[in-house]
Amino acid sequence: MKGIFYLSLLVACPLVNAADLPVLPQHQASSPHKLFVSTEKDSSGFDTWKIDSGYAYNVFDKIDLYVGTRIDNAREGESGFLSGVNYQVTERISVKSTLHSYSTVIEEERTDKISAEVSSRLKLTENLDLHATLDYQEWQQGVEFGLGFRF
C-alpha cells in the first residue's frame, strides 16, 4: 500500500524541467582567474631546471596578464619575479612576452637586473607543440627553438 502511495505522488507531482535547474560549475563560463606552473630543463647540465609559477588574469577574450615567480637552479641569483602578457592568436598559436626581475650579489654588492623574453608556441597535436623563444639579458642574448610534449 505504501508503494502505491509513493507511485501516485510521483505521477501526480509535476516533473521539474531541466531548464529550471541551476547550471553545474563545469558548464559555466570559464573563470578569468588562472594559476599556472611551467618547467624547463636547462641544456647546460643534468640537474638544471627553471620553474615559473604564478597567477594569470584574463583581461580580454584572448589576452591574459600574469605575475609570478621564477626559480632557477642553473644560474645563481636569477630566481626572482616575472610579469607579462599572453596572447592566444588562435586555438593553436600563442605569443607570450615576459619581463623578469632578479638580483645578483657579487662581492657583497647587490645588483638588480631585468631580462625580457618573447616566445611563441604552435600546437601540432593535443600533446605536441613547437616553440621558439627570443631572450635578452644584459650579459646574454639567445634564440631557442624546441619541441614540447604535454602529458
Protein backbone atom coordinates (compact mmCIF):
# COMPACT_ATOMS: atom_id res chain seq x y z
CA MET A 1 0.00 0.00 0.00
CA LYS A 2 2.85 2.32 0.86
CA GLY A 3 4.43 1.74 -2.59
CA ILE A 4 1.20 2.65 -4.39
CA PHE A 5 1.00 5.89 -2.40
CA TYR A 6 4.55 6.93 -3.41
CA LEU A 7 3.90 5.95 -7.01
CA SER A 8 0.76 8.09 -7.11
CA LEU A 9 2.73 11.04 -5.69
CA LEU A 10 5.33 10.73 -8.46
CA VAL A 11 2.66 10.64 -11.15
CA ALA A 12 0.61 13.46 -9.63
CA CYS A 13 3.56 15.83 -8.99
CA PRO A 14 4.67 17.90 -11.95
CA LEU A 15 8.11 16.98 -13.25
CA VAL A 16 10.86 19.58 -12.84
CA ASN A 17 12.04 21.00 -16.14
CA ALA A 18 15.82 20.67 -16.64
CA ALA A 19 15.96 24.32 -17.72
CA ASP A 20 14.87 25.32 -14.21
CA LEU A 21 17.85 23.63 -12.55
CA PRO A 22 20.98 25.68 -11.79
CA VAL A 23 23.93 25.31 -14.15
CA LEU A 24 26.64 22.95 -12.94
CA PRO A 25 30.06 24.56 -12.28
CA GLN A 26 31.74 22.66 -15.12
CA HIS A 27 29.16 24.05 -17.59
CA GLN A 28 29.53 27.67 -16.54
CA ALA A 29 31.61 30.17 -18.48
CA SER A 30 35.32 29.84 -17.71
CA SER A 31 36.77 31.93 -14.93
CA PRO A 32 39.12 34.81 -15.79
CA HIS A 33 41.42 33.66 -12.96
CA LYS A 34 44.13 31.06 -13.61
CA LEU A 35 47.06 29.60 -11.73
CA PHE A 36 49.98 28.33 -13.78
CA VAL A 37 53.15 26.28 -13.32
CA SER A 38 55.65 25.62 -16.10
CA THR A 39 59.06 24.00 -16.06
CA GLU A 40 62.03 23.95 -18.39
CA LYS A 41 65.18 21.88 -18.30
CA ASP A 42 68.33 23.86 -18.97
CA SER A 43 70.65 22.32 -21.55
CA SER A 44 73.76 23.29 -19.56
CA GLY A 45 73.68 20.25 -17.27
CA PHE A 46 71.93 17.16 -15.98
CA ASP A 47 70.27 18.59 -12.87
CA THR A 48 69.42 22.10 -14.03
CA TRP A 49 65.91 23.46 -14.34
CA LYS A 50 63.72 26.53 -14.23
CA ILE A 51 60.21 26.70 -12.71
CA ASP A 52 57.77 29.56 -13.37
CA SER A 53 54.57 29.75 -11.34
CA GLY A 54 52.00 32.42 -10.69
CA TYR A 55 48.61 33.94 -11.31
CA ALA A 56 47.08 34.97 -14.64
CA TYR A 57 44.01 37.10 -15.22
CA ASN A 58 42.06 37.14 -18.47
CA VAL A 59 41.68 40.83 -19.42
CA PHE A 60 40.15 40.43 -22.88
CA ASP A 61 38.89 37.45 -24.83
CA LYS A 62 42.36 36.25 -25.89
CA ILE A 63 44.71 38.29 -23.66
CA ASP A 64 45.97 37.30 -20.20
CA LEU A 65 48.11 39.40 -17.85
CA TYR A 66 50.20 37.45 -15.38
CA VAL A 67 52.53 37.84 -12.42
CA GLY A 68 54.62 35.14 -10.84
CA THR A 69 57.93 33.89 -9.58
CA ARG A 70 60.82 32.08 -11.22
CA ILE A 71 63.09 29.57 -9.51
CA ASP A 72 66.25 28.86 -11.50
CA ASN A 73 68.84 26.47 -10.08
CA ALA A 74 71.08 26.63 -13.17
CA ARG A 75 72.19 30.25 -12.69
CA GLU A 76 72.75 31.51 -9.20
CA GLY A 77 70.85 34.68 -8.39
CA GLU A 78 68.42 34.52 -11.33
CA SER A 79 65.43 33.46 -9.28
CA GLY A 80 63.00 36.35 -8.98
CA PHE A 81 59.71 37.87 -10.06
CA LEU A 82 58.15 37.93 -13.51
CA SER A 83 55.21 39.56 -15.23
CA GLY A 84 53.92 39.61 -18.75
CA VAL A 85 51.22 39.26 -21.36
CA ASN A 86 49.98 36.10 -23.06
CA TYR A 87 48.07 36.44 -26.35
CA GLN A 88 46.19 33.46 -27.77
CA VAL A 89 46.22 34.29 -31.51
CA THR A 90 44.22 31.21 -32.49
CA GLU A 91 43.39 27.95 -30.76
CA ARG A 92 46.76 26.58 -31.92
CA ILE A 93 49.07 29.65 -31.83
CA SER A 94 50.05 31.71 -28.78
CA VAL A 95 52.57 34.51 -28.19
CA LYS A 96 53.91 35.45 -24.75
CA SER A 97 56.13 38.26 -23.53
CA THR A 98 57.78 38.27 -20.11
CA LEU A 99 59.76 40.73 -18.00
CA HIS A 100 61.83 39.01 -15.33
CA SER A 101 63.44 40.93 -12.47
CA TYR A 102 66.13 39.40 -10.29
CA SER A 103 69.05 40.39 -8.07
CA THR A 104 72.64 39.23 -8.16
CA VAL A 105 75.18 39.60 -5.36
CA ILE A 106 78.85 39.91 -6.35
CA GLU A 107 81.42 40.62 -3.64
CA GLU A 108 78.67 41.72 -1.22
CA GLU A 109 77.27 44.21 -3.74
CA ARG A 110 73.66 43.67 -4.78
CA THR A 111 72.66 44.49 -8.37
CA ASP A 112 69.05 44.48 -9.62
CA LYS A 113 68.60 43.32 -13.21
CA ILE A 114 65.79 42.81 -15.72
CA SER A 115 65.57 40.38 -18.61
CA ALA A 116 62.99 40.29 -21.41
CA GLU A 117 61.68 37.29 -23.28
CA VAL A 118 59.29 36.80 -26.21
CA SER A 119 58.12 33.31 -27.04
CA SER A 120 55.63 31.69 -29.38
CA ARG A 121 54.03 28.27 -29.41
CA LEU A 122 52.39 26.30 -32.23
CA LYS A 123 50.22 23.39 -31.12
CA LEU A 124 50.70 20.47 -33.55
CA THR A 125 48.59 17.89 -31.68
CA GLU A 126 46.94 17.73 -28.28
CA ASN A 127 50.25 16.74 -26.64
CA LEU A 128 52.91 18.02 -29.06
CA ASP A 129 53.96 21.56 -29.94
CA LEU A 130 56.76 23.65 -31.45
CA HIS A 131 58.08 26.68 -29.61
CA ALA A 132 60.53 29.50 -30.28
CA THR A 133 61.96 31.96 -27.75
CA LEU A 134 63.98 35.15 -28.04
CA ASP A 135 65.64 36.03 -24.72
CA TYR A 136 67.56 39.20 -23.88
CA GLN A 137 69.62 39.80 -20.75
CA GLU A 138 72.32 42.34 -20.03
CA TRP A 139 75.07 39.76 -20.45
CA GLN A 140 73.45 37.30 -22.87
CA GLN A 141 71.05 37.12 -25.79
CA GLY A 142 69.61 33.87 -27.01
CA VAL A 143 67.29 32.25 -29.50
CA GLU A 144 65.81 28.87 -28.75
CA PHE A 145 63.71 26.50 -30.85
CA GLY A 146 62.21 23.36 -29.46
CA LEU A 147 59.68 20.62 -29.45
CA GLY A 148 57.38 20.37 -26.43
CA PHE A 149 55.39 17.46 -25.07
CA ARG A 150 52.49 17.77 -22.64
CA PHE A 151 51.11 14.91 -20.58
